[in-house]
Amino acid sequence: MAQSGASVLSSGWIEDGKALDIHFTGDAAVVRAAVEGAFDRTDAIVQKTVDRARSLIIADMDSTMITIECIDELADYAGIKPQIAEVTERAMRGELDFEEALRSRVALLKGLSENVIDQCLVERVVIMPGARALVQTIRAHGGMAILVSGGFTRFADPVASEIGFNKAIANRLGIKDGVLTGRVEGNIVGAQTKRKALMDAVSAYELGSSASLAVGDGANDIPMIEAAGLGVAYHAKPKTAAAAAARVDHGDLTAILYAMGYPRSAWACAD
């Protein structure tokens, strides 16, 4: 902190031995550069203390609210995971156009049984540690939670319900006669759709510019992360991490609750 030219005003534990608050005056960007990575396996989020308890969360699903990329797991049932997972990784890194990459991957799933979706939900989908606590705590304090996924409604709807989101926005897989058609129905939920969902919610609920929180890991999350009052890159790809005002590289999603000033005793549920 001293090397950054900042002056420490006070400090205190949000959660003893787990999350520390340090109040300072100085250049936030300089302080962030000084403290990120300065402590082993410790996340540091630098922000204004005022209004840090956000009242809107817009969240990505795959590799953010759940531990997997659903399309990769569907591909595994079809026996083509390696080739689809490679495209997924490149798209999430921002090396490929997201919409084109999604259409090309879905096309490879043509003929896969619809029943595999439910099987994948049961066997592969795991809620990310801290997801329930984060979303349900925001809602318990009067907030709104929206899941906006470049994945598919058949996963996003049950995941949103299980975690506690108000609603979910995602892509619709084409299905006919019990098998995947290899197409995505309607407009693709991409980067600009995610940003629009955030901006629409801010407007609809008449929120201040600092009241929103966006969290994601891929390049298609960057526009919403940049537009949010606090944009968080969660165990993110390099481009996303570079674009975000805050990063969680080590902890789980409850790190964001601590950043909002909530000790465990204020969480809506244990996670």
Protein backbone atom coordinates (compact mmCIF):
# COMPACT_ATOMS: atom_id res chain seq x y z
CA MET A 1 0.00 0.00 0.00
CA ALA A 2 2.77 2.44 0.92
CA GLN A 3 4.48 1.89 -2.42
CA SER A 4 1.27 2.91 -4.19
CA GLY A 5 1.18 6.26 -2.43
CA ALA A 6 -2.10 5.45 -0.70
CA SER A 7 -2.89 6.32 2.89
CA VAL A 8 -4.60 3.66 5.02
CA LEU A 9 -7.49 5.10 7.04
CA SER A 10 -8.61 1.97 8.86
CA SER A 11 -8.80 -1.80 8.62
CA GLY A 12 -10.88 -4.57 10.10
CA TRP A 13 -12.03 -8.12 9.51
CA ILE A 14 -15.27 -8.78 7.66
CA GLU A 15 -14.72 -12.42 8.59
CA ASP A 16 -11.92 -13.26 11.03
CA GLY A 17 -8.98 -14.79 9.23
CA LYS A 18 -10.93 -14.93 5.97
CA ALA A 19 -11.75 -11.48 4.59
CA LEU A 20 -10.10 -8.18 5.50
CA ASP A 21 -11.36 -4.68 4.78
CA ILE A 22 -8.76 -1.94 4.27
CA HIS A 23 -10.06 1.60 3.82
CA PHE A 24 -7.68 3.98 2.08
CA THR A 25 -7.35 7.20 0.16
CA GLY A 26 -5.40 7.26 -3.06
CA ASP A 27 -5.52 6.17 -6.69
CA ALA A 28 -7.63 2.99 -6.87
CA ALA A 29 -5.99 1.77 -10.10
CA VAL A 30 -2.51 2.15 -8.64
CA VAL A 31 -3.52 0.41 -5.43
CA ARG A 32 -5.12 -2.42 -7.37
CA ALA A 33 -1.94 -2.95 -9.37
CA ALA A 34 0.05 -3.03 -6.14
CA VAL A 35 -2.09 -5.47 -4.19
CA GLU A 36 -3.30 -7.95 -6.84
CA GLY A 37 -1.02 -10.93 -6.67
CA ALA A 38 0.95 -9.49 -3.76
CA PHE A 39 -0.34 -12.12 -1.34
CA ASP A 40 -0.15 -15.84 -2.03
CA ARG A 41 -3.50 -17.34 -3.12
CA THR A 42 -5.38 -14.25 -1.96
CA ASP A 43 -7.91 -12.26 -3.99
CA ALA A 44 -7.88 -8.48 -3.67
CA ILE A 45 -10.82 -6.37 -4.87
CA VAL A 46 -10.38 -2.60 -4.91
CA GLN A 47 -13.55 -0.51 -5.06
CA LYS A 48 -15.41 2.38 -3.49
CA THR A 49 -16.96 1.41 -0.17
CA VAL A 50 -20.12 3.42 -0.85
CA ASP A 51 -22.87 1.32 -2.48
CA ARG A 52 -20.73 -1.82 -2.64
CA ALA A 53 -23.68 -3.98 -1.55
CA ARG A 54 -25.00 -4.36 -5.10
CA SER A 55 -28.71 -4.88 -5.74
CA LEU A 56 -28.48 -6.51 -9.19
CA ILE A 57 -26.39 -9.46 -10.33
CA ILE A 58 -26.08 -10.51 -13.96
CA ALA A 59 -24.16 -13.77 -14.20
CA ASP A 60 -22.79 -16.11 -16.81
CA MET A 61 -23.55 -19.80 -16.34
CA ASP A 62 -20.94 -22.18 -17.78
CA SER A 63 -17.69 -22.20 -15.78
CA THR A 64 -19.11 -19.41 -13.60
CA MET A 65 -22.32 -20.54 -11.89
CA ILE A 66 -21.66 -24.19 -12.76
CA THR A 67 -18.35 -26.00 -13.02
CA ILE A 68 -18.64 -27.24 -16.62
CA GLU A 69 -19.16 -26.11 -20.21
CA CYS A 70 -22.45 -27.82 -21.08
CA ILE A 71 -21.83 -28.06 -24.82
CA ASP A 72 -18.53 -29.84 -24.19
CA GLU A 73 -20.26 -32.40 -22.00
CA LEU A 74 -23.02 -32.99 -24.57
CA ALA A 75 -20.23 -33.53 -27.09
CA ASP A 76 -18.71 -36.12 -24.76
CA TYR A 77 -21.90 -38.19 -24.96
CA ALA A 78 -21.64 -37.90 -28.76
CA GLY A 79 -17.99 -39.01 -28.66
CA ILE A 80 -16.62 -35.74 -30.06
CA LYS A 81 -15.64 -33.78 -26.95
CA PRO A 82 -12.01 -33.02 -27.88
CA GLN A 83 -12.83 -31.21 -31.13
CA ILE A 84 -15.73 -29.25 -29.63
CA ALA A 85 -13.90 -28.40 -26.39
CA GLU A 86 -11.03 -26.91 -28.39
CA VAL A 87 -13.42 -24.56 -30.20
CA THR A 88 -15.13 -23.68 -26.90
CA GLU A 89 -11.82 -22.75 -25.33
CA ARG A 90 -10.81 -20.58 -28.27
CA ALA A 91 -14.19 -18.85 -28.32
CA MET A 92 -14.01 -18.14 -24.59
CA ARG A 93 -10.55 -16.69 -25.08
CA GLY A 94 -11.91 -14.34 -27.72
CA GLU A 95 -9.98 -15.95 -30.56
CA LEU A 96 -13.13 -16.90 -32.50
CA ASP A 97 -16.44 -15.17 -33.22
CA PHE A 98 -18.76 -16.47 -30.48
CA GLU A 99 -21.92 -16.79 -32.59
CA GLU A 100 -20.19 -18.53 -35.47
CA ALA A 101 -18.37 -20.86 -33.07
CA LEU A 102 -21.63 -21.74 -31.31
CA ARG A 103 -23.45 -22.55 -34.53
CA SER A 104 -20.59 -24.72 -35.77
CA ARG A 105 -20.41 -26.69 -32.52
CA VAL A 106 -24.17 -27.21 -32.30
CA ALA A 107 -24.17 -28.44 -35.91
CA LEU A 108 -21.84 -31.26 -34.85
CA LEU A 109 -24.42 -32.41 -32.29
CA LYS A 110 -27.07 -33.09 -34.95
CA GLY A 111 -28.82 -36.41 -34.31
CA LEU A 112 -27.95 -36.59 -30.61
CA SER A 113 -30.87 -37.85 -28.54
CA GLU A 114 -32.77 -35.22 -26.57
CA ASN A 115 -32.64 -37.58 -23.58
CA VAL A 116 -28.92 -36.93 -23.28
CA ILE A 117 -29.66 -33.38 -22.09
CA ASP A 118 -31.44 -34.63 -18.97
CA GLN A 119 -28.78 -37.28 -18.47
CA CYS A 120 -26.08 -34.59 -18.64
CA LEU A 121 -27.97 -32.43 -16.15
CA VAL A 122 -28.04 -35.26 -13.63
CA GLU A 123 -24.56 -36.66 -14.22
CA ARG A 124 -22.39 -33.66 -15.09
CA VAL A 125 -23.84 -30.33 -13.94
CA VAL A 126 -22.37 -29.21 -10.61
CA ILE A 127 -23.24 -25.87 -9.03
CA MET A 128 -20.16 -23.70 -8.48
CA PRO A 129 -19.18 -23.34 -4.80
CA GLY A 130 -20.61 -20.11 -3.44
CA ALA A 131 -23.18 -19.65 -6.20
CA ARG A 132 -26.24 -20.23 -4.04
CA ALA A 133 -24.93 -18.08 -1.21
CA LEU A 134 -24.07 -15.22 -3.57
CA VAL A 135 -27.34 -15.12 -5.48
CA GLN A 136 -29.65 -15.86 -2.58
CA THR A 137 -27.97 -13.29 -0.34
CA ILE A 138 -28.35 -10.56 -2.93
CA ARG A 139 -32.02 -11.46 -3.30
CA ALA A 140 -32.54 -11.70 0.47
CA HIS A 141 -31.35 -8.11 0.74
CA GLY A 142 -33.93 -6.99 -1.82
CA GLY A 143 -31.90 -7.48 -5.00
CA MET A 144 -32.52 -9.01 -8.42
CA ALA A 145 -30.60 -11.88 -10.03
CA ILE A 146 -30.52 -12.74 -13.74
CA LEU A 147 -28.65 -15.64 -15.34
CA VAL A 148 -27.60 -14.76 -18.89
CA SER A 149 -25.95 -17.65 -20.70
CA GLY A 150 -24.48 -18.29 -24.10
CA GLY A 151 -25.44 -21.88 -23.36
CA PHE A 152 -28.87 -23.44 -23.56
CA THR A 153 -32.25 -22.99 -21.88
CA ARG A 154 -32.50 -26.71 -21.16
CA PHE A 155 -29.60 -26.23 -18.74
CA ALA A 156 -30.02 -22.58 -17.76
CA ASP A 157 -33.64 -22.85 -16.61
CA PRO A 158 -33.11 -25.65 -14.05
CA VAL A 159 -29.75 -24.22 -12.96
CA ALA A 160 -31.30 -20.78 -12.39
CA SER A 161 -34.11 -22.34 -10.38
CA GLU A 162 -31.75 -24.41 -8.24
CA ILE A 163 -29.42 -21.50 -7.45
CA GLY A 164 -32.18 -18.96 -6.90
CA PHE A 165 -32.11 -16.57 -9.86
CA ASN A 166 -35.21 -14.57 -10.72
CA LYS A 167 -34.95 -15.57 -14.36
CA ALA A 168 -32.67 -17.00 -17.03
CA ILE A 169 -31.87 -15.95 -20.59
CA ALA A 170 -30.17 -18.47 -22.87
CA ASN A 171 -30.12 -20.07 -26.33
CA ARG A 172 -32.66 -22.62 -27.51
CA LEU A 173 -31.43 -25.86 -28.99
CA GLY A 174 -33.31 -27.05 -32.03
CA ILE A 175 -35.05 -30.35 -31.25
CA LYS A 176 -37.36 -32.38 -33.49
CA ASP A 177 -38.71 -35.88 -33.03
CA GLY A 178 -36.60 -36.36 -29.92
CA VAL A 179 -33.22 -35.52 -31.46
CA LEU A 180 -31.10 -32.39 -31.83
CA THR A 181 -31.46 -30.72 -35.24
CA GLY A 182 -27.96 -29.22 -35.16
CA ARG A 183 -29.35 -25.69 -35.07
CA VAL A 184 -29.84 -22.91 -32.56
CA GLU A 185 -33.37 -21.52 -32.68
CA GLY A 186 -33.83 -17.75 -32.83
CA ASN A 187 -31.24 -15.09 -32.14
CA ILE A 188 -28.10 -16.16 -30.35
CA VAL A 189 -27.50 -14.93 -26.82
CA GLY A 190 -24.05 -13.44 -27.24
CA ALA A 191 -21.94 -10.68 -25.75
CA GLN A 192 -24.23 -7.80 -26.66
CA THR A 193 -27.31 -9.67 -25.42
CA LYS A 194 -25.63 -10.03 -22.05
CA ARG A 195 -24.79 -6.34 -21.89
CA LYS A 196 -28.32 -5.42 -22.96
CA ALA A 197 -29.81 -7.65 -20.23
CA LEU A 198 -27.79 -5.71 -17.67
CA MET A 199 -28.69 -2.28 -19.05
CA ASP A 200 -32.37 -3.20 -19.39
CA ALA A 201 -32.51 -4.39 -15.78
CA VAL A 202 -30.77 -1.25 -14.50
CA SER A 203 -33.35 0.83 -16.35
CA ALA A 204 -36.38 -1.29 -15.44
CA TYR A 205 -35.57 -1.30 -11.73
CA GLU A 206 -34.40 2.33 -11.73
CA LEU A 207 -31.02 1.48 -10.25
CA GLY A 208 -28.03 3.75 -9.86
CA SER A 209 -25.04 3.17 -12.10
CA SER A 210 -23.05 1.53 -9.28
CA ALA A 211 -25.79 -0.88 -8.17
CA SER A 212 -25.09 -3.65 -10.69
CA LEU A 213 -22.70 -6.57 -10.49
CA ALA A 214 -21.68 -8.72 -13.45
CA VAL A 215 -19.65 -11.90 -13.19
CA GLY A 216 -18.30 -14.17 -15.92
CA ASP A 217 -15.22 -15.92 -17.25
CA GLY A 218 -15.24 -15.71 -21.06
CA ALA A 219 -14.65 -13.10 -23.74
CA ASN A 220 -18.40 -12.94 -24.45
CA ASP A 221 -18.85 -11.66 -20.88
CA ILE A 222 -16.60 -8.62 -21.37
CA PRO A 223 -19.26 -6.09 -22.48
CA MET A 224 -21.49 -6.78 -19.47
CA ILE A 225 -18.49 -6.82 -17.14
CA GLU A 226 -17.35 -3.45 -18.45
CA ALA A 227 -20.86 -1.96 -18.18
CA ALA A 228 -21.55 -3.08 -14.59
CA GLY A 229 -21.02 -1.07 -11.43
CA LEU A 230 -18.63 -3.85 -10.48
CA GLY A 231 -17.49 -6.28 -13.16
CA VAL A 232 -15.88 -9.45 -11.82
CA ALA A 233 -13.78 -11.87 -13.85
CA TYR A 234 -14.19 -15.24 -12.15
CA HIS A 235 -11.29 -17.67 -12.73
CA ALA A 236 -11.39 -16.05 -16.14
CA LYS A 237 -9.67 -16.19 -19.49
CA PRO A 238 -6.87 -13.62 -19.93
CA LYS A 239 -8.81 -11.11 -22.05
CA THR A 240 -11.71 -11.16 -19.61
CA ALA A 241 -9.45 -10.79 -16.58
CA ALA A 242 -7.74 -7.81 -18.22
CA ALA A 243 -11.07 -6.10 -18.96
CA ALA A 244 -12.59 -6.51 -15.49
CA ALA A 245 -12.39 -4.05 -12.62
CA ALA A 246 -12.09 -6.98 -10.21
CA ARG A 247 -10.85 -10.56 -10.37
CA VAL A 248 -11.43 -13.69 -8.34
CA ASP A 249 -8.59 -16.03 -9.21
CA HIS A 250 -8.29 -18.15 -6.07
CA GLY A 251 -11.47 -18.19 -3.97
CA ASP A 252 -14.98 -19.27 -4.80
CA LEU A 253 -17.99 -17.04 -5.48
CA THR A 254 -18.37 -16.14 -1.82
CA ALA A 255 -15.34 -13.89 -2.30
CA ILE A 256 -17.77 -11.51 -3.99
CA LEU A 257 -20.01 -11.54 -0.92
CA TYR A 258 -17.07 -10.48 1.21
CA ALA A 259 -16.28 -7.74 -1.33
CA MET A 260 -19.86 -6.54 -0.87
CA GLY A 261 -19.25 -6.29 2.87
CA TYR A 262 -21.31 -9.33 3.92
CA PRO A 263 -19.86 -11.57 6.65
CA ARG A 264 -21.00 -15.18 6.70
CA SER A 265 -23.60 -14.32 9.34
CA ALA A 266 -25.38 -12.13 6.77
CA TRP A 267 -25.51 -14.77 4.04
CA ALA A 268 -28.89 -16.18 3.08
CA CYS A 269 -27.54 -19.72 3.08
CA ALA A 270 -24.35 -21.64 3.78
CA ASP A 271 -22.41 -22.64 0.70
